[in-house]
PDB file of all heavy atoms in Angstrom:
ATOM      1  N   ALA A   1      21.937   0.275  10.926  1.00  0.00           N
ATOM      2  CA  ALA A   1      23.149  -0.395  11.147  1.00  0.00           C
ATOM      3  C   ALA A   1      24.320   0.406  10.586  1.00  0.00           C
ATOM      4  O   ALA A   1      24.232   1.017   9.535  1.00  0.00           O
ATOM      5  CB  ALA A   1      23.062  -1.837  10.578  1.00  0.00           C
ATOM      6  N   GLY A   2      25.438   0.278  11.232  1.00  0.00           N
ATOM      7  CA  GLY A   2      26.619   0.942  10.759  1.00  0.00           C
ATOM      8  C   GLY A   2      27.588   1.287  11.787  1.00  0.00           C
ATOM      9  O   GLY A   2      27.466   0.844  13.006  1.00  0.00           O
ATOM     10  N   ASN A   3      28.668   1.956  11.394  1.00  0.00           N
ATOM     11  CA  ASN A   3      29.707   2.335  12.366  1.00  0.00           C
ATOM     12  C   ASN A   3      29.395   3.796  12.940  1.00  0.00           C
ATOM     13  O   ASN A   3      29.259   4.738  12.198  1.00  0.00           O
ATOM     14  CB  ASN A   3      31.087   2.430  11.728  1.00  0.00           C
ATOM     15  CG  ASN A   3      31.559   1.009  11.283  1.00  0.00           C
ATOM     16  OD1 ASN A   3      31.303   0.101  12.014  1.00  0.00           O
ATOM     17  ND2 ASN A   3      32.176   0.915  10.142  1.00  0.00           N
ATOM     18  N   TYR A   4      29.272   3.845  14.277  1.00  0.00           N
ATOM     19  CA  TYR A   4      28.936   5.076  14.976  1.00  0.00           C
ATOM     20  C   TYR A   4      30.218   5.602  15.637  1.00  0.00           C
ATOM     21  O   TYR A   4      31.160   4.883  15.922  1.00  0.00           O
ATOM     22  CB  TYR A   4      27.885   4.822  16.104  1.00  0.00           C
ATOM     23  CG  TYR A   4      26.495   4.614  15.480  1.00  0.00           C
ATOM     24  CD1 TYR A   4      26.213   3.391  14.868  1.00  0.00           C
ATOM     25  CD2 TYR A   4      25.586   5.628  15.553  1.00  0.00           C
ATOM     26  CE1 TYR A   4      24.916   3.219  14.256  1.00  0.00           C
ATOM     27  CE2 TYR A   4      24.306   5.368  14.929  1.00  0.00           C
ATOM     28  CZ  TYR A   4      24.013   4.220  14.319  1.00  0.00           C
ATOM     29  OH  TYR A   4      22.798   4.011  13.744  1.00  0.00           O
ATOM     30  N   ARG A   5      30.339   6.950  15.605  1.00  0.00           N
ATOM     31  CA  ARG A   5      31.521   7.597  16.133  1.00  0.00           C
ATOM     32  C   ARG A   5      31.223   8.410  17.348  1.00  0.00           C
ATOM     33  O   ARG A   5      30.267   9.143  17.459  1.00  0.00           O
ATOM     34  CB  ARG A   5      32.136   8.561  15.047  1.00  0.00           C
ATOM     35  CG  ARG A   5      32.675   7.701  13.855  1.00  0.00           C
ATOM     36  CD  ARG A   5      33.595   8.623  13.057  1.00  0.00           C
ATOM     37  NE  ARG A   5      32.919   9.884  12.601  1.00  0.00           N
ATOM     38  CZ  ARG A   5      33.600  10.883  11.918  1.00  0.00           C
ATOM     39  NH1 ARG A   5      34.903  10.775  11.766  1.00  0.00           N
ATOM     40  NH2 ARG A   5      32.913  11.904  11.486  1.00  0.00           N
ATOM     41  N   VAL A   6      32.250   8.368  18.288  1.00  0.00           N
ATOM     42  CA  VAL A   6      32.216   9.231  19.505  1.00  0.00           C
ATOM     43  C   VAL A   6      33.450  10.117  19.477  1.00  0.00           C
ATOM     44  O   VAL A   6      34.539   9.638  19.205  1.00  0.00           O
ATOM     45  CB  VAL A   6      32.173   8.329  20.734  1.00  0.00           C
ATOM     46  CG1 VAL A   6      32.331   9.202  22.022  1.00  0.00           C
ATOM     47  CG2 VAL A   6      30.825   7.651  20.846  1.00  0.00           C
ATOM     48  N   ALA A   7      33.204  11.384  19.695  1.00  0.00           N
ATOM     49  CA  ALA A   7      34.386  12.366  19.748  1.00  0.00           C
ATOM     50  C   ALA A   7      34.494  12.919  21.188  1.00  0.00           C
ATOM     51  O   ALA A   7      33.452  13.176  21.811  1.00  0.00           O
ATOM     52  CB  ALA A   7      34.089  13.547  18.820  1.00  0.00           C
ATOM     53  N   VAL A   8      35.709  13.032  21.602  1.00  0.00           N
ATOM     54  CA  VAL A   8      36.015  13.571  22.949  1.00  0.00           C
ATOM     55  C   VAL A   8      37.003  14.755  22.740  1.00  0.00           C
ATOM     56  O   VAL A   8      37.997  14.594  22.089  1.00  0.00           O
ATOM     57  CB  VAL A   8      36.623  12.514  23.892  1.00  0.00           C
ATOM     58  CG1 VAL A   8      36.954  13.081  25.248  1.00  0.00           C
ATOM     59  CG2 VAL A   8      35.754  11.314  23.955  1.00  0.00           C
ATOM     60  N   HIS A   9      36.585  15.972  23.347  1.00  0.00           N
ATOM     61  CA  HIS A   9      37.541  17.049  23.232  1.00  0.00           C
ATOM     62  C   HIS A   9      37.436  17.913  24.561  1.00  0.00           C
ATOM     63  O   HIS A   9      36.322  17.850  25.237  1.00  0.00           O
ATOM     64  CB  HIS A   9      37.233  17.929  22.020  1.00  0.00           C
ATOM     65  CG  HIS A   9      35.919  18.635  22.061  1.00  0.00           C
ATOM     66  ND1 HIS A   9      35.668  19.751  22.831  1.00  0.00           N
ATOM     67  CD2 HIS A   9      34.743  18.400  21.405  1.00  0.00           C
ATOM     68  CE1 HIS A   9      34.415  20.204  22.723  1.00  0.00           C
ATOM     69  NE2 HIS A   9      33.825  19.418  21.840  1.00  0.00           N
ATOM     70  N   PRO A  10      38.546  18.580  24.887  1.00  0.00           N
ATOM     71  CA  PRO A  10      38.460  19.388  26.100  1.00  0.00           C
ATOM     72  C   PRO A  10      37.420  20.502  26.009  1.00  0.00           C
ATOM     73  O   PRO A  10      37.172  20.998  24.920  1.00  0.00           O
ATOM     74  CB  PRO A  10      39.873  19.984  26.213  1.00  0.00           C
ATOM     75  CG  PRO A  10      40.715  19.172  25.269  1.00  0.00           C
ATOM     76  CD  PRO A  10      39.798  18.688  24.221  1.00  0.00           C
ATOM     77  N   LEU A  11      36.823  20.824  27.138  1.00  0.00           N
ATOM     78  CA  LEU A  11      35.801  21.873  27.138  1.00  0.00           C
ATOM     79  C   LEU A  11      36.437  23.189  26.775  1.00  0.00           C
ATOM     80  O   LEU A  11      35.870  24.018  26.028  1.00  0.00           O
ATOM     81  CB  LEU A  11      35.178  21.969  28.544  1.00  0.00           C
ATOM     82  CG  LEU A  11      34.141  23.068  28.744  1.00  0.00           C
ATOM     83  CD1 LEU A  11      32.876  22.829  27.844  1.00  0.00           C
ATOM     84  CD2 LEU A  11      33.757  23.201  30.136  1.00  0.00           C
ATOM     85  N   GLU A  12      37.631  23.461  27.305  1.00  0.00           N
ATOM     86  CA  GLU A  12      38.231  24.789  27.078  1.00  0.00           C
ATOM     87  C   GLU A  12      39.504  24.582  26.150  1.00  0.00           C
ATOM     88  O   GLU A  12      40.220  23.641  26.373  1.00  0.00           O
ATOM     89  CB  GLU A  12      38.653  25.389  28.444  1.00  0.00           C
ATOM     90  CG  GLU A  12      37.448  25.722  29.304  1.00  0.00           C
ATOM     91  CD  GLU A  12      37.845  26.305  30.643  1.00  0.00           C
ATOM     92  OE1 GLU A  12      39.051  26.283  30.995  1.00  0.00           O
ATOM     93  OE2 GLU A  12      36.938  26.829  31.380  1.00  0.00           O
ATOM     94  N   LYS A  13      39.753  25.587  25.406  1.00  0.00           N
ATOM     95  CA  LYS A  13      40.865  25.595  24.453  1.00  0.00           C
ATOM     96  C   LYS A  13      42.160  25.609  25.262  1.00  0.00           C
ATOM     97  O   LYS A  13      42.210  26.301  26.283  1.00  0.00           O
ATOM     98  CB  LYS A  13      40.763  26.735  23.483  1.00  0.00           C
ATOM     99  CG  LYS A  13      41.800  26.723  22.414  1.00  0.00           C
ATOM    100  CD  LYS A  13      41.571  27.878  21.408  1.00  0.00           C
ATOM    101  CE  LYS A  13      42.598  27.871  20.391  1.00  0.00           C
ATOM    102  NZ  LYS A  13      42.317  29.008  19.380  1.00  0.00           N
ATOM    103  N   ASN A  14      43.182  24.862  24.744  1.00  0.00           N
ATOM    104  CA  ASN A  14      44.452  24.850  25.386  1.00  0.00           C
ATOM    105  C   ASN A  14      44.531  24.251  26.743  1.00  0.00           C
ATOM    106  O   ASN A  14      45.455  24.513  27.505  1.00  0.00           O
ATOM    107  CB  ASN A  14      45.089  26.240  25.431  1.00  0.00           C
ATOM    108  CG  ASN A  14      45.209  26.914  24.011  1.00  0.00           C
ATOM    109  OD1 ASN A  14      45.511  26.198  23.109  1.00  0.00           O
ATOM    110  ND2 ASN A  14      44.996  28.206  23.954  1.00  0.00           N
ATOM    111  N   SER A  15      43.608  23.485  27.095  1.00  0.00           N
ATOM    112  CA  SER A  15      43.591  22.752  28.405  1.00  0.00           C
ATOM    113  C   SER A  15      43.898  21.255  28.059  1.00  0.00           C
ATOM    114  O   SER A  15      43.580  20.763  27.029  1.00  0.00           O
ATOM    115  CB  SER A  15      42.193  22.810  29.085  1.00  0.00           C
ATOM    116  OG  SER A  15      41.197  22.198  28.369  1.00  0.00           O
ATOM    117  N   THR A  16      44.586  20.580  29.047  1.00  0.00           N
ATOM    118  CA  THR A  16      44.947  19.204  28.878  1.00  0.00           C
ATOM    119  C   THR A  16      44.633  18.457  30.164  1.00  0.00           C
ATOM    120  O   THR A  16      44.359  19.054  31.204  1.00  0.00           O
ATOM    121  CB  THR A  16      46.495  19.071  28.608  1.00  0.00           C
ATOM    122  OG1 THR A  16      47.199  19.697  29.670  1.00  0.00           O
ATOM    123  CG2 THR A  16      46.872  19.818  27.264  1.00  0.00           C
ATOM    124  N   GLY A  17      44.707  17.143  30.039  1.00  0.00           N
ATOM    125  CA  GLY A  17      44.463  16.274  31.148  1.00  0.00           C
ATOM    126  C   GLY A  17      44.182  14.931  30.600  1.00  0.00           C
ATOM    127  O   GLY A  17      43.998  14.685  29.410  1.00  0.00           O
ATOM    128  N   THR A  18      43.947  13.889  31.457  1.00  0.00           N
ATOM    129  CA  THR A  18      43.738  12.583  30.991  1.00  0.00           C
ATOM    130  C   THR A  18      42.280  12.191  31.261  1.00  0.00           C
ATOM    131  O   THR A  18      41.564  12.770  32.129  1.00  0.00           O
ATOM    132  CB  THR A  18      44.705  11.530  31.731  1.00  0.00           C
ATOM    133  OG1 THR A  18      44.385  11.656  33.206  1.00  0.00           O
ATOM    134  CG2 THR A  18      46.150  11.910  31.560  1.00  0.00           C
ATOM    135  N   TYR A  19      41.871  11.171  30.521  1.00  0.00           N
ATOM    136  CA  TYR A  19      40.590  10.576  30.688  1.00  0.00           C
ATOM    137  C   TYR A  19      40.682   9.210  30.138  1.00  0.00           C
ATOM    138  O   TYR A  19      41.599   8.763  29.481  1.00  0.00           O
ATOM    139  CB  TYR A  19      39.488  11.322  29.899  1.00  0.00           C
ATOM    140  CG  TYR A  19      39.605  11.223  28.425  1.00  0.00           C
ATOM    141  CD1 TYR A  19      38.881  10.184  27.724  1.00  0.00           C
ATOM    142  CD2 TYR A  19      40.376  12.088  27.729  1.00  0.00           C
ATOM    143  CE1 TYR A  19      38.956  10.076  26.364  1.00  0.00           C
ATOM    144  CE2 TYR A  19      40.455  11.947  26.316  1.00  0.00           C
ATOM    145  CZ  TYR A  19      39.741  10.953  25.645  1.00  0.00           C
ATOM    146  OH  TYR A  19      39.892  10.814  24.302  1.00  0.00           O
ATOM    147  N   GLN A  20      39.695   8.368  30.626  1.00  0.00           N
ATOM    148  CA  GLN A  20      39.594   6.970  30.161  1.00  0.00           C
ATOM    149  C   GLN A  20      38.205   6.722  29.571  1.00  0.00           C
ATOM    150  O   GLN A  20      37.175   7.016  30.223  1.00  0.00           O
ATOM    151  CB  GLN A  20      39.891   5.976  31.333  1.00  0.00           C
ATOM    152  CG  GLN A  20      39.734   4.580  30.909  1.00  0.00           C
ATOM    153  CD  GLN A  20      40.235   3.622  32.061  1.00  0.00           C
ATOM    154  OE1 GLN A  20      41.398   3.555  32.376  1.00  0.00           O
ATOM    155  NE2 GLN A  20      39.244   2.945  32.707  1.00  0.00           N
ATOM    156  N   ILE A  21      38.127   6.268  28.368  1.00  0.00           N
ATOM    157  CA  ILE A  21      36.865   5.960  27.675  1.00  0.00           C
ATOM    158  C   ILE A  21      36.602   4.501  27.595  1.00  0.00           C
ATOM    159  O   ILE A  21      37.574   3.720  27.279  1.00  0.00           O
ATOM    160  CB  ILE A  21      36.794   6.671  26.355  1.00  0.00           C
ATOM    161  CG1 ILE A  21      35.369   6.553  25.774  1.00  0.00           C
ATOM    162  CG2 ILE A  21      37.862   6.139  25.371  1.00  0.00           C
ATOM    163  CD1 ILE A  21      35.155   7.485  24.597  1.00  0.00           C
ATOM    164  N   THR A  22      35.381   4.051  27.877  1.00  0.00           N
ATOM    165  CA  THR A  22      35.016   2.640  27.858  1.00  0.00           C
ATOM    166  C   THR A  22      33.707   2.451  27.137  1.00  0.00           C
ATOM    167  O   THR A  22      32.733   3.136  27.468  1.00  0.00           O
ATOM    168  CB  THR A  22      34.895   2.127  29.291  1.00  0.00           C
ATOM    169  OG1 THR A  22      36.042   2.401  30.030  1.00  0.00           O
ATOM    170  CG2 THR A  22      34.629   0.573  29.290  1.00  0.00           C
ATOM    171  N   LEU A  23      33.676   1.435  26.272  1.00  0.00           N
ATOM    172  CA  LEU A  23      32.454   1.046  25.630  1.00  0.00           C
ATOM    173  C   LEU A  23      31.807  -0.033  26.598  1.00  0.00           C
ATOM    174  O   LEU A  23      32.245  -1.133  26.585  1.00  0.00           O
ATOM    175  CB  LEU A  23      32.601   0.530  24.220  1.00  0.00           C
ATOM    176  CG  LEU A  23      31.404  -0.029  23.466  1.00  0.00           C
ATOM    177  CD1 LEU A  23      30.381   1.104  23.314  1.00  0.00           C
ATOM    178  CD2 LEU A  23      31.815  -0.535  22.140  1.00  0.00           C
ATOM    179  N   GLU A  24      30.921   0.370  27.427  1.00  0.00           N
ATOM    180  CA  GLU A  24      30.427  -0.472  28.468  1.00  0.00           C
ATOM    181  C   GLU A  24      29.484  -1.615  27.885  1.00  0.00           C
ATOM    182  O   GLU A  24      29.474  -2.663  28.315  1.00  0.00           O
ATOM    183  CB  GLU A  24      29.679   0.308  29.463  1.00  0.00           C
ATOM    184  CG  GLU A  24      30.491   1.274  30.341  1.00  0.00           C
ATOM    185  CD  GLU A  24      31.282   0.540  31.409  1.00  0.00           C
ATOM    186  OE1 GLU A  24      31.154  -0.707  31.509  1.00  0.00           O
ATOM    187  OE2 GLU A  24      32.151   1.228  32.010  1.00  0.00           O
ATOM    188  N   ALA A  25      28.650  -1.236  26.903  1.00  0.00           N
ATOM    189  CA  ALA A  25      27.667  -2.165  26.393  1.00  0.00           C
ATOM    190  C   ALA A  25      27.169  -1.743  25.001  1.00  0.00           C
ATOM    191  O   ALA A  25      27.041  -0.535  24.712  1.00  0.00           O
ATOM    192  CB  ALA A  25      26.474  -2.333  27.299  1.00  0.00           C
ATOM    193  N   VAL A  26      26.885  -2.755  24.155  1.00  0.00           N
ATOM    194  CA  VAL A  26      26.059  -2.558  22.949  1.00  0.00           C
ATOM    195  C   VAL A  26      25.044  -3.706  22.996  1.00  0.00           C
ATOM    196  O   VAL A  26      25.508  -4.888  22.908  1.00  0.00           O
ATOM    197  CB  VAL A  26      26.888  -2.632  21.669  1.00  0.00           C
ATOM    198  CG1 VAL A  26      26.007  -2.560  20.422  1.00  0.00           C
ATOM    199  CG2 VAL A  26      27.945  -1.491  21.638  1.00  0.00           C
ATOM    200  N   ARG A  27      23.774  -3.332  23.122  1.00  0.00           N
ATOM    201  CA  ARG A  27      22.773  -4.396  23.435  1.00  0.00           C
ATOM    202  C   ARG A  27      21.452  -3.983  22.885  1.00  0.00           C
ATOM    203  O   ARG A  27      21.222  -2.858  22.453  1.00  0.00           O
ATOM    204  CB  ARG A  27      22.669  -4.636  24.890  1.00  0.00           C
ATOM    205  CG  ARG A  27      22.439  -3.384  25.666  1.00  0.00           C
ATOM    206  CD  ARG A  27      22.028  -3.731  27.135  1.00  0.00           C
ATOM    207  NE  ARG A  27      21.947  -2.524  27.982  1.00  0.00           N
ATOM    208  CZ  ARG A  27      20.988  -1.660  27.937  1.00  0.00           C
ATOM    209  NH1 ARG A  27      19.994  -1.851  27.103  1.00  0.00           N
ATOM    210  NH2 ARG A  27      20.994  -0.663  28.786  1.00  0.00           N
TER     211      ARG A  27
END
């Protein structure tokens, strides 16, 4: 039990763009 972390980073350095992250389920 505890707090879990998710990290999101661009694949390539100096690239940008948008994304949407969703926690669909914890079950």
